[in-house]
Amino acid sequence: MPNIKPFCGLKPAVHLQSKVVTRPLENYGTGEARLIASENNCSFLHLINPELDNPYLRGTRQELIFKKIAENFEGFLEHHYLVRETQPAIYVYQVEHDGLCQTGIWTLTHIHDYLEGRIKKHESTVERREKLLADYLQQTGLDANPVLITYHPDQVIDGLTAKYTALTPDLDFTFADQSQHRVWAITETADLEKMVTAFQAIPSVYIADGHHRAASMAKMGLQKQALKGAKHDGSELYNYFTTVYMNTAEVKVLEFNRLVRDLGTWTAEQFMAALNDCFEVKTSKQPVKPGALHEIGMYFNGQWYVLSPKPSIYDANDPVSVLDVSILQDFILEPLLGIKDPRTDARITFEGGRTDVLALQNKVDNGLYAIAFTLFPTSVAQVIAVAEADGVMPPKSTWVEPKFLVGLLTNYFN
């Protein structure tokens, strides 16, 4: 395990590489996405949400939207914005950004590996989000945003990766955010067999990012199987979802910091006094970007603090309760500030680790928020420990990099 498979992916035409690919739609404001779509006829955004540049579709039934995506997709093929690989391949993928270079294997993985627990997860998914994405996948057949899976390093996979990264890449371009992307297609039968066999020998793999995408693809695949009935044989492309495997040395996990709008019913004095029950509280003359586990930064009332949880409040042997995100949620956000479900509570927002702590401070100073909390990043080892224990991390526990471009390699299964 896992059961991976070469595929004939769709890729951008060589002269359009940086124009076809896009960040996921949720990474853009509506106005920004609409501007990109209006100025770029070959942006993959047209295959995600045709409402951006077709006002007559707004507010209409989903069937019309999916019909328009199908028409746009036919145009992408007709104008050769997207071209299909002629040979089945497993791909070596490399992304370089902000001084960080990460390399992995881009392939297809069978949905039964996910459904039967051979791919371990650490997050819960939301049914509504699963259904929306599953509907999109079923109607369009476009699986264009891979799930990131991590595993412990393997010599065979590393050796094959090194062999191909020494060659000239098949795709090589710089995106608008200055990230550089390279792809090498592995098509030699012997190397494909070695790669498939090496992955089958790995005892455990773990979702690092993309839990909803994996769950949605599995849901959609089961629907397709039911529709096909006795004609289903398990080899169809809808049984597989796009995945990028990066070993634990390649995956980078950043922190997710928190901003809270108000103190609820507490006064400032009462809130600070209540913190002392569970934390050692020290002032800091400098903005606090935690440098170690169990060091939580807090900016409040114009002052930075370091909060150190007292060892008696958490179970060091429980992989979930020992997490700083859990400690913050269990002993400050819920009991003191009344934030029971951070996924739905409008009083809290999250900032990925690329956001500078001074930017968080400014949002508090400007009165947009009352408190900022900064956290030490959850480690890959902690992610694996939670997954091995069948645990669930609190929402927004990890900001995992790389973040993939949509449309770089697409599995089209309709």
Protein backbone atom coordinates (compact mmCIF):
# COMPACT_ATOMS: atom_id res chain seq x y z
CA MET A 1 0.00 0.00 0.00
CA PRO A 2 -0.82 2.53 -1.27
CA ASN A 3 -2.10 1.44 -4.69
CA ILE A 4 -0.82 4.08 -7.15
CA LYS A 5 -1.24 4.24 -10.90
CA PRO A 6 0.31 6.06 -13.89
CA PHE A 7 -2.08 8.24 -15.86
CA CYS A 8 -2.29 10.27 -19.06
CA GLY A 9 -2.77 13.66 -17.48
CA LEU A 10 -3.85 16.91 -19.04
CA LYS A 11 -1.19 19.59 -18.78
CA PRO A 12 -0.93 23.22 -19.94
CA ALA A 13 0.52 23.87 -23.37
CA VAL A 14 4.22 24.73 -23.11
CA HIS A 15 3.78 28.40 -24.06
CA LEU A 16 0.80 28.81 -21.68
CA GLN A 17 2.09 27.08 -18.55
CA SER A 18 1.97 30.09 -16.23
CA LYS A 19 -1.33 31.38 -17.69
CA VAL A 20 -3.45 28.23 -17.45
CA VAL A 21 -2.67 27.29 -13.85
CA THR A 22 -4.28 29.14 -10.95
CA ARG A 23 -4.45 29.23 -7.22
CA PRO A 24 -7.63 27.62 -5.80
CA LEU A 25 -10.65 29.91 -6.09
CA GLU A 26 -10.86 30.43 -2.32
CA ASN A 27 -7.40 32.03 -2.39
CA TYR A 28 -8.79 35.01 -4.31
CA GLY A 29 -11.30 37.68 -3.48
CA THR A 30 -14.29 37.66 -5.83
CA GLY A 31 -13.20 40.88 -7.52
CA GLU A 32 -9.64 39.63 -8.02
CA ALA A 33 -10.79 36.30 -9.44
CA ARG A 34 -13.25 38.03 -11.77
CA LEU A 35 -10.49 40.35 -13.03
CA ILE A 36 -8.13 37.43 -13.70
CA ALA A 37 -10.85 35.54 -15.56
CA SER A 38 -11.81 38.57 -17.65
CA GLU A 39 -8.21 39.22 -18.71
CA ASN A 40 -7.12 35.61 -19.25
CA ASN A 41 -9.22 33.35 -21.48
CA CYS A 42 -7.09 30.31 -20.71
CA SER A 43 -7.11 30.53 -16.89
CA PHE A 44 -8.31 27.32 -15.24
CA LEU A 45 -10.68 29.56 -13.26
CA HIS A 46 -13.05 29.24 -16.24
CA LEU A 47 -13.24 25.51 -15.48
CA ILE A 48 -13.92 26.12 -11.78
CA ASN A 49 -16.51 28.89 -11.76
CA PRO A 50 -17.81 30.23 -15.10
CA GLU A 51 -19.96 32.75 -13.19
CA LEU A 52 -16.86 34.93 -12.82
CA ASP A 53 -17.12 36.25 -16.38
CA ASN A 54 -20.62 35.15 -17.41
CA PRO A 55 -23.10 37.32 -15.50
CA TYR A 56 -26.11 35.57 -17.04
CA LEU A 57 -25.20 32.41 -15.12
CA ARG A 58 -25.43 34.02 -11.69
CA GLY A 59 -28.27 32.68 -9.65
CA THR A 60 -29.16 29.99 -12.20
CA ARG A 61 -29.38 26.28 -11.58
CA GLN A 62 -26.24 24.21 -11.09
CA GLU A 63 -26.98 22.29 -14.29
CA LEU A 64 -26.37 25.42 -16.36
CA ILE A 65 -23.11 26.14 -14.57
CA PHE A 66 -21.82 22.61 -15.18
CA LYS A 67 -22.95 22.81 -18.80
CA LYS A 68 -20.93 26.00 -19.21
CA ILE A 69 -17.87 24.37 -17.62
CA ALA A 70 -18.21 21.52 -20.13
CA GLU A 71 -18.36 24.04 -22.99
CA ASN A 72 -15.32 25.89 -21.62
CA PHE A 73 -13.44 22.61 -21.28
CA GLU A 74 -14.13 21.71 -24.90
CA GLY A 75 -12.73 25.12 -25.84
CA PHE A 76 -9.61 24.52 -23.75
CA LEU A 77 -8.96 21.31 -25.68
CA GLU A 78 -9.87 22.80 -29.06
CA HIS A 79 -7.53 25.78 -28.57
CA HIS A 80 -4.83 23.53 -27.06
CA TYR A 81 -4.74 25.43 -23.77
CA LEU A 82 -4.66 21.95 -22.24
CA VAL A 83 -3.00 18.97 -23.94
CA ARG A 84 -3.10 15.31 -22.97
CA GLU A 85 0.05 13.30 -22.32
CA THR A 86 0.40 10.54 -24.90
CA GLN A 87 1.91 7.97 -22.52
CA PRO A 88 0.80 6.97 -19.02
CA ALA A 89 3.19 8.49 -16.51
CA ILE A 90 3.96 9.05 -12.89
CA TYR A 91 5.42 12.50 -12.40
CA VAL A 92 8.21 13.97 -10.32
CA TYR A 93 7.07 17.41 -9.17
CA GLN A 94 9.23 20.16 -7.69
CA VAL A 95 8.19 23.57 -6.38
CA GLU A 96 10.55 26.30 -5.22
CA HIS A 97 9.34 29.37 -3.35
CA ASP A 98 10.54 31.70 -0.58
CA GLY A 99 13.89 29.91 -0.48
CA LEU A 100 12.25 26.50 0.04
CA CYS A 101 12.53 23.69 -2.53
CA GLN A 102 10.17 20.70 -2.18
CA THR A 103 10.03 17.58 -4.34
CA GLY A 104 7.44 14.82 -4.54
CA ILE A 105 5.71 12.21 -6.68
CA TRP A 106 2.49 13.16 -8.52
CA THR A 107 0.30 10.16 -9.30
CA LEU A 108 -3.14 8.59 -8.93
CA THR A 109 -4.18 6.70 -5.78
CA HIS A 110 -7.11 4.28 -5.49
CA ILE A 111 -10.04 5.58 -3.41
CA HIS A 112 -10.24 2.26 -1.53
CA ASP A 113 -6.89 3.06 0.09
CA TYR A 114 -8.64 6.06 1.62
CA LEU A 115 -11.96 4.34 2.35
CA GLU A 116 -10.30 1.34 4.03
CA GLY A 117 -7.99 3.44 6.21
CA ARG A 118 -4.69 2.64 4.53
CA ILE A 119 -4.26 6.37 4.08
CA LYS A 120 -4.48 7.80 7.58
CA LYS A 121 -6.10 11.18 8.29
CA HIS A 122 -6.04 13.67 11.16
CA GLU A 123 -8.94 16.03 10.40
CA SER A 124 -12.71 15.82 10.33
CA THR A 125 -14.50 16.90 7.17
CA VAL A 126 -17.71 18.87 6.73
CA GLU A 127 -20.46 17.03 4.86
CA ARG A 128 -21.67 20.13 3.02
CA ARG A 129 -18.20 20.86 1.63
CA GLU A 130 -17.73 17.22 0.67
CA LYS A 131 -21.01 17.18 -1.28
CA LEU A 132 -20.31 20.44 -3.13
CA LEU A 133 -16.92 19.22 -4.32
CA ALA A 134 -18.20 15.71 -5.08
CA ASP A 135 -20.95 17.22 -7.27
CA TYR A 136 -18.36 19.29 -9.13
CA LEU A 137 -16.15 16.25 -9.68
CA GLN A 138 -19.02 14.05 -10.85
CA GLN A 139 -20.37 16.63 -13.27
CA THR A 140 -17.06 17.86 -14.73
CA GLY A 141 -14.71 14.87 -14.45
CA LEU A 142 -11.88 17.30 -13.65
CA ASP A 143 -9.64 16.27 -10.76
CA ALA A 144 -7.14 19.12 -10.93
CA ASN A 145 -6.03 19.81 -7.35
CA PRO A 146 -4.06 16.98 -5.71
CA VAL A 147 -4.16 15.73 -2.14
CA LEU A 148 -0.82 16.03 -0.34
CA ILE A 149 0.23 12.77 1.35
CA THR A 150 3.35 12.26 3.43
CA TYR A 151 5.35 9.13 4.25
CA HIS A 152 8.66 8.20 5.85
CA PRO A 153 11.59 8.48 3.39
CA ASP A 154 12.24 5.52 1.09
CA GLN A 155 15.55 4.86 -0.68
CA VAL A 156 14.03 3.49 -3.89
CA ILE A 157 11.69 6.45 -4.32
CA ASP A 158 14.47 8.89 -3.44
CA GLY A 159 16.77 7.24 -6.00
CA LEU A 160 14.22 7.43 -8.80
CA THR A 161 13.43 11.03 -7.90
CA ALA A 162 17.10 11.99 -8.06
CA LYS A 163 17.47 10.26 -11.43
CA TYR A 164 14.75 12.38 -13.02
CA THR A 165 15.47 15.72 -11.38
CA ALA A 166 18.93 15.54 -12.95
CA LEU A 167 17.25 15.70 -16.37
CA THR A 168 15.62 18.60 -18.23
CA PRO A 169 12.05 19.01 -16.93
CA ASP A 170 9.00 18.55 -19.16
CA LEU A 171 7.36 21.58 -17.55
CA ASP A 172 9.31 24.48 -16.08
CA PHE A 173 7.77 27.87 -15.38
CA THR A 174 7.44 30.67 -12.84
CA PHE A 175 3.96 31.55 -11.57
CA ALA A 176 2.70 35.07 -10.80
CA ASP A 177 3.70 34.73 -7.13
CA GLN A 178 7.30 33.96 -8.21
CA SER A 179 7.05 30.29 -7.24
CA GLN A 180 8.87 28.02 -9.70
CA HIS A 181 7.33 24.72 -10.79
CA ARG A 182 9.00 21.78 -12.56
CA VAL A 183 7.59 18.45 -13.71
CA TRP A 184 9.34 15.34 -15.06
CA ALA A 185 7.27 12.53 -16.59
CA ILE A 186 8.34 8.97 -15.72
CA THR A 187 7.24 6.79 -18.65
CA GLU A 188 9.84 4.00 -18.78
CA THR A 189 8.15 0.73 -17.89
CA ALA A 190 10.93 -0.47 -15.58
CA ASP A 191 10.97 2.78 -13.58
CA LEU A 192 7.17 2.84 -13.34
CA GLU A 193 7.16 -0.70 -11.98
CA LYS A 194 9.86 0.18 -9.44
CA MET A 195 7.88 3.21 -8.30
CA VAL A 196 4.58 1.34 -7.96
CA THR A 197 6.27 -1.52 -6.08
CA ALA A 198 8.10 0.88 -3.76
CA PHE A 199 4.87 2.60 -2.76
CA GLN A 200 3.10 -0.72 -2.22
CA ALA A 201 5.83 -1.61 0.29
CA ILE A 202 5.36 1.53 2.41
CA PRO A 203 3.55 0.47 5.62
CA SER A 204 1.74 3.75 6.36
CA VAL A 205 1.01 7.03 4.60
CA TYR A 206 -0.74 10.12 5.96
CA ILE A 207 -2.81 12.95 4.52
CA ALA A 208 -0.92 16.17 5.14
CA ASP A 209 -3.34 18.49 3.32
CA GLY A 210 -6.53 17.99 1.33
CA HIS A 211 -8.86 15.96 3.58
CA HIS A 212 -11.98 17.37 1.88
CA ARG A 213 -10.63 16.67 -1.59
CA ALA A 214 -9.89 13.03 -0.70
CA ALA A 215 -13.27 12.55 0.97
CA SER A 216 -15.11 14.17 -1.95
CA MET A 217 -13.32 12.08 -4.56
CA ALA A 218 -14.11 8.92 -2.59
CA LYS A 219 -17.77 9.93 -2.29
CA MET A 220 -17.97 10.68 -6.01
CA GLY A 221 -16.19 7.43 -6.91
CA LEU A 222 -18.72 5.38 -4.94
CA GLN A 223 -21.54 7.20 -6.73
CA LYS A 224 -19.97 6.39 -10.10
CA GLN A 225 -19.55 2.74 -9.09
CA ALA A 226 -23.23 2.52 -8.13
CA LEU A 227 -24.34 4.09 -11.41
CA LYS A 228 -22.20 1.73 -13.47
CA GLY A 229 -23.39 -1.32 -11.55
CA ALA A 230 -22.24 -4.66 -12.88
CA LYS A 231 -20.11 -2.99 -15.55
CA HIS A 232 -17.82 -1.50 -12.90
CA ASP A 233 -14.48 -3.33 -12.73
CA GLY A 234 -12.35 -1.07 -10.50
CA SER A 235 -9.90 0.07 -13.16
CA GLU A 236 -11.86 3.16 -14.22
CA LEU A 237 -10.18 6.50 -13.60
CA TYR A 238 -13.01 7.65 -11.32
CA ASN A 239 -11.71 5.09 -8.81
CA TYR A 240 -8.53 7.14 -8.39
CA PHE A 241 -7.76 10.61 -7.09
CA THR A 242 -4.76 12.82 -7.85
CA THR A 243 -2.13 12.80 -5.13
CA VAL A 244 1.31 14.23 -4.51
CA TYR A 245 3.46 12.18 -2.15
CA MET A 246 6.18 14.05 -0.30
CA ASN A 247 8.23 12.39 2.37
CA THR A 248 8.35 13.82 5.88
CA ALA A 249 11.61 15.67 5.16
CA GLU A 250 9.98 17.56 2.26
CA VAL A 251 6.67 18.63 3.81
CA LYS A 252 6.72 21.98 5.58
CA VAL A 253 4.20 22.73 8.34
CA LEU A 254 3.64 26.31 9.44
CA GLU A 255 1.49 27.61 12.27
CA PHE A 256 -2.08 28.88 12.14
CA ASN A 257 -2.37 31.92 14.41
CA ARG A 258 -5.62 33.17 15.93
CA LEU A 259 -7.32 36.58 16.17
CA VAL A 260 -10.30 37.11 18.52
CA ARG A 261 -12.69 40.03 18.17
CA ASP A 262 -13.65 40.62 21.82
CA LEU A 263 -13.39 39.39 25.40
CA GLY A 264 -17.03 38.40 25.70
CA THR A 265 -18.24 39.20 29.21
CA TRP A 266 -14.77 39.62 30.76
CA THR A 267 -13.05 42.83 31.70
CA ALA A 268 -9.37 43.06 30.82
CA GLU A 269 -8.39 42.60 34.46
CA GLN A 270 -10.63 39.57 34.92
CA PHE A 271 -9.34 37.93 31.75
CA MET A 272 -5.68 38.38 32.69
CA ALA A 273 -6.34 37.03 36.19
CA ALA A 274 -8.14 33.96 34.79
CA LEU A 275 -5.16 33.10 32.58
CA ASN A 276 -3.02 32.52 35.67
CA ASP A 277 -5.01 29.45 36.62
CA CYS A 278 -3.58 27.39 33.76
CA PHE A 279 -0.60 29.37 32.43
CA GLU A 280 2.59 31.02 33.52
CA VAL A 281 2.22 34.52 32.10
CA LYS A 282 5.25 36.69 31.30
CA THR A 283 5.46 40.01 29.47
CA SER A 284 7.68 40.37 26.41
CA LYS A 285 9.32 43.51 25.08
CA GLN A 286 9.37 41.98 21.59
CA PRO A 287 6.60 40.54 19.38
CA VAL A 288 6.31 36.85 20.19
CA LYS A 289 6.86 34.33 17.41
CA PRO A 290 7.09 31.15 19.51
CA GLY A 291 10.33 29.24 19.13
CA ALA A 292 9.40 26.08 20.99
CA LEU A 293 6.49 23.78 21.81
CA HIS A 294 4.25 24.97 24.66
CA GLU A 295 5.15 28.58 24.12
CA ILE A 296 2.09 30.63 23.14
CA GLY A 297 2.31 34.28 22.21
CA MET A 298 -0.48 36.73 23.08
CA TYR A 299 -0.89 40.38 22.11
CA PHE A 300 -3.45 42.21 24.23
CA ASN A 301 -3.97 45.81 25.35
CA GLY A 302 -0.77 46.97 23.61
CA GLN A 303 1.42 44.35 25.29
CA TRP A 304 2.97 41.08 24.15
CA TYR A 305 2.95 38.10 26.53
CA VAL A 306 4.36 34.58 26.57
CA LEU A 307 1.90 32.01 27.93
CA SER A 308 3.44 28.74 29.13
CA PRO A 309 0.82 26.06 29.93
CA LYS A 310 1.26 24.39 33.31
CA PRO A 311 2.16 20.71 32.75
CA SER A 312 -0.68 19.58 35.00
CA ILE A 313 -3.40 20.78 32.58
CA TYR A 314 -2.67 18.45 29.65
CA ASP A 315 -1.86 14.79 29.08
CA ALA A 316 1.61 14.57 27.56
CA ASN A 317 0.81 11.05 26.32
CA ASP A 318 -2.29 12.11 24.39
CA PRO A 319 -1.22 13.19 20.87
CA VAL A 320 -4.21 15.54 20.53
CA SER A 321 -4.43 17.18 23.96
CA VAL A 322 -0.66 17.87 24.00
CA LEU A 323 -0.93 20.09 20.90
CA ASP A 324 -0.64 23.83 21.51
CA VAL A 325 -3.71 24.40 19.33
CA SER A 326 -5.65 22.05 21.65
CA ILE A 327 -4.32 23.74 24.79
CA LEU A 328 -5.30 27.16 23.45
CA GLN A 329 -8.78 25.92 22.51
CA ASP A 330 -9.39 23.87 25.67
CA PHE A 331 -8.14 26.36 28.26
CA ILE A 332 -8.62 29.82 26.73
CA LEU A 333 -10.82 30.02 23.66
CA GLU A 334 -13.70 27.86 24.88
CA PRO A 335 -13.80 28.24 28.68
CA LEU A 336 -12.77 31.90 28.89
CA LEU A 337 -13.88 33.42 25.58
CA GLY A 338 -16.86 31.19 24.81
CA ILE A 339 -15.63 30.04 21.39
CA LYS A 340 -16.89 26.46 21.34
CA ASP A 341 -16.65 25.79 17.61
CA PRO A 342 -13.91 27.84 15.93
CA ARG A 343 -15.09 26.62 12.51
CA THR A 344 -18.37 28.50 12.79
CA ASP A 345 -17.84 31.21 15.42
CA ALA A 346 -17.60 34.63 13.74
CA ARG A 347 -15.62 36.04 16.67
CA ILE A 348 -12.44 34.20 15.67
CA THR A 349 -10.36 34.23 12.50
CA PHE A 350 -7.16 32.48 11.46
CA GLU A 351 -3.96 33.68 9.83
CA GLY A 352 -1.54 31.26 8.17
CA GLY A 353 2.08 31.23 9.24
CA ARG A 354 3.22 33.37 6.31
CA THR A 355 1.55 36.36 8.00
CA ASP A 356 4.07 38.41 9.99
CA VAL A 357 3.32 38.78 13.71
CA LEU A 358 3.55 42.57 13.36
CA ALA A 359 0.63 42.39 10.93
CA LEU A 360 -1.37 40.61 13.63
CA GLN A 361 -0.34 43.26 16.15
CA ASN A 362 -1.52 46.01 13.79
CA LYS A 363 -4.94 44.40 13.45
CA VAL A 364 -5.34 44.51 17.22
CA ASP A 365 -3.99 48.05 17.50
CA ASN A 366 -6.41 49.17 14.78
CA GLY A 367 -9.33 47.86 16.81
CA LEU A 368 -10.33 45.11 14.39
CA TYR A 369 -9.57 42.49 17.03
CA ALA A 370 -9.07 42.41 20.78
CA ILE A 371 -6.43 39.65 21.04
CA ALA A 372 -3.90 37.92 18.83
CA PHE A 373 -2.50 34.48 19.68
CA THR A 374 0.67 33.17 18.01
CA LEU A 375 1.64 29.50 18.03
CA PHE A 376 4.62 27.26 17.44
CA PRO A 377 4.04 25.12 14.32
CA THR A 378 2.62 21.66 14.74
CA SER A 379 5.31 19.21 13.61
CA VAL A 380 4.95 16.50 10.97
CA ALA A 381 5.69 13.99 13.73
CA GLN A 382 2.74 15.32 15.73
CA VAL A 383 0.49 15.08 12.67
CA ILE A 384 1.52 11.44 12.20
CA ALA A 385 1.04 10.66 15.90
CA VAL A 386 -2.53 11.97 15.79
CA ALA A 387 -3.27 10.02 12.60
CA GLU A 388 -1.81 6.80 14.05
CA ALA A 389 -4.06 7.20 17.11
CA ASP A 390 -7.13 7.81 14.89
CA GLY A 391 -7.37 11.22 16.52
CA VAL A 392 -8.75 14.49 15.19
CA MET A 393 -6.91 17.79 15.41
CA PRO A 394 -8.73 21.03 16.19
CA PRO A 395 -9.65 23.08 13.10
CA LYS A 396 -6.85 25.11 11.52
CA SER A 397 -4.08 23.25 13.34
CA THR A 398 -1.66 23.23 10.42
CA TRP A 399 -0.74 25.41 7.47
CA VAL A 400 0.93 22.87 5.20
CA GLU A 401 3.17 23.74 2.27
CA PRO A 402 3.36 23.35 -0.63
CA LYS A 403 -0.01 24.70 -1.74
CA PHE A 404 -0.67 23.35 -5.21
CA LEU A 405 -1.65 25.17 -8.38
CA VAL A 406 -4.92 24.00 -9.89
CA GLY A 407 -4.65 22.75 -13.47
CA LEU A 408 -0.96 21.88 -13.48
CA LEU A 409 -1.70 18.17 -13.97
CA THR A 410 -5.33 17.16 -14.34
CA ASN A 411 -6.91 13.72 -14.29
CA TYR A 412 -9.93 13.81 -16.59
CA PHE A 413 -12.07 10.76 -15.92
CA ASN A 414 -15.39 11.34 -17.72
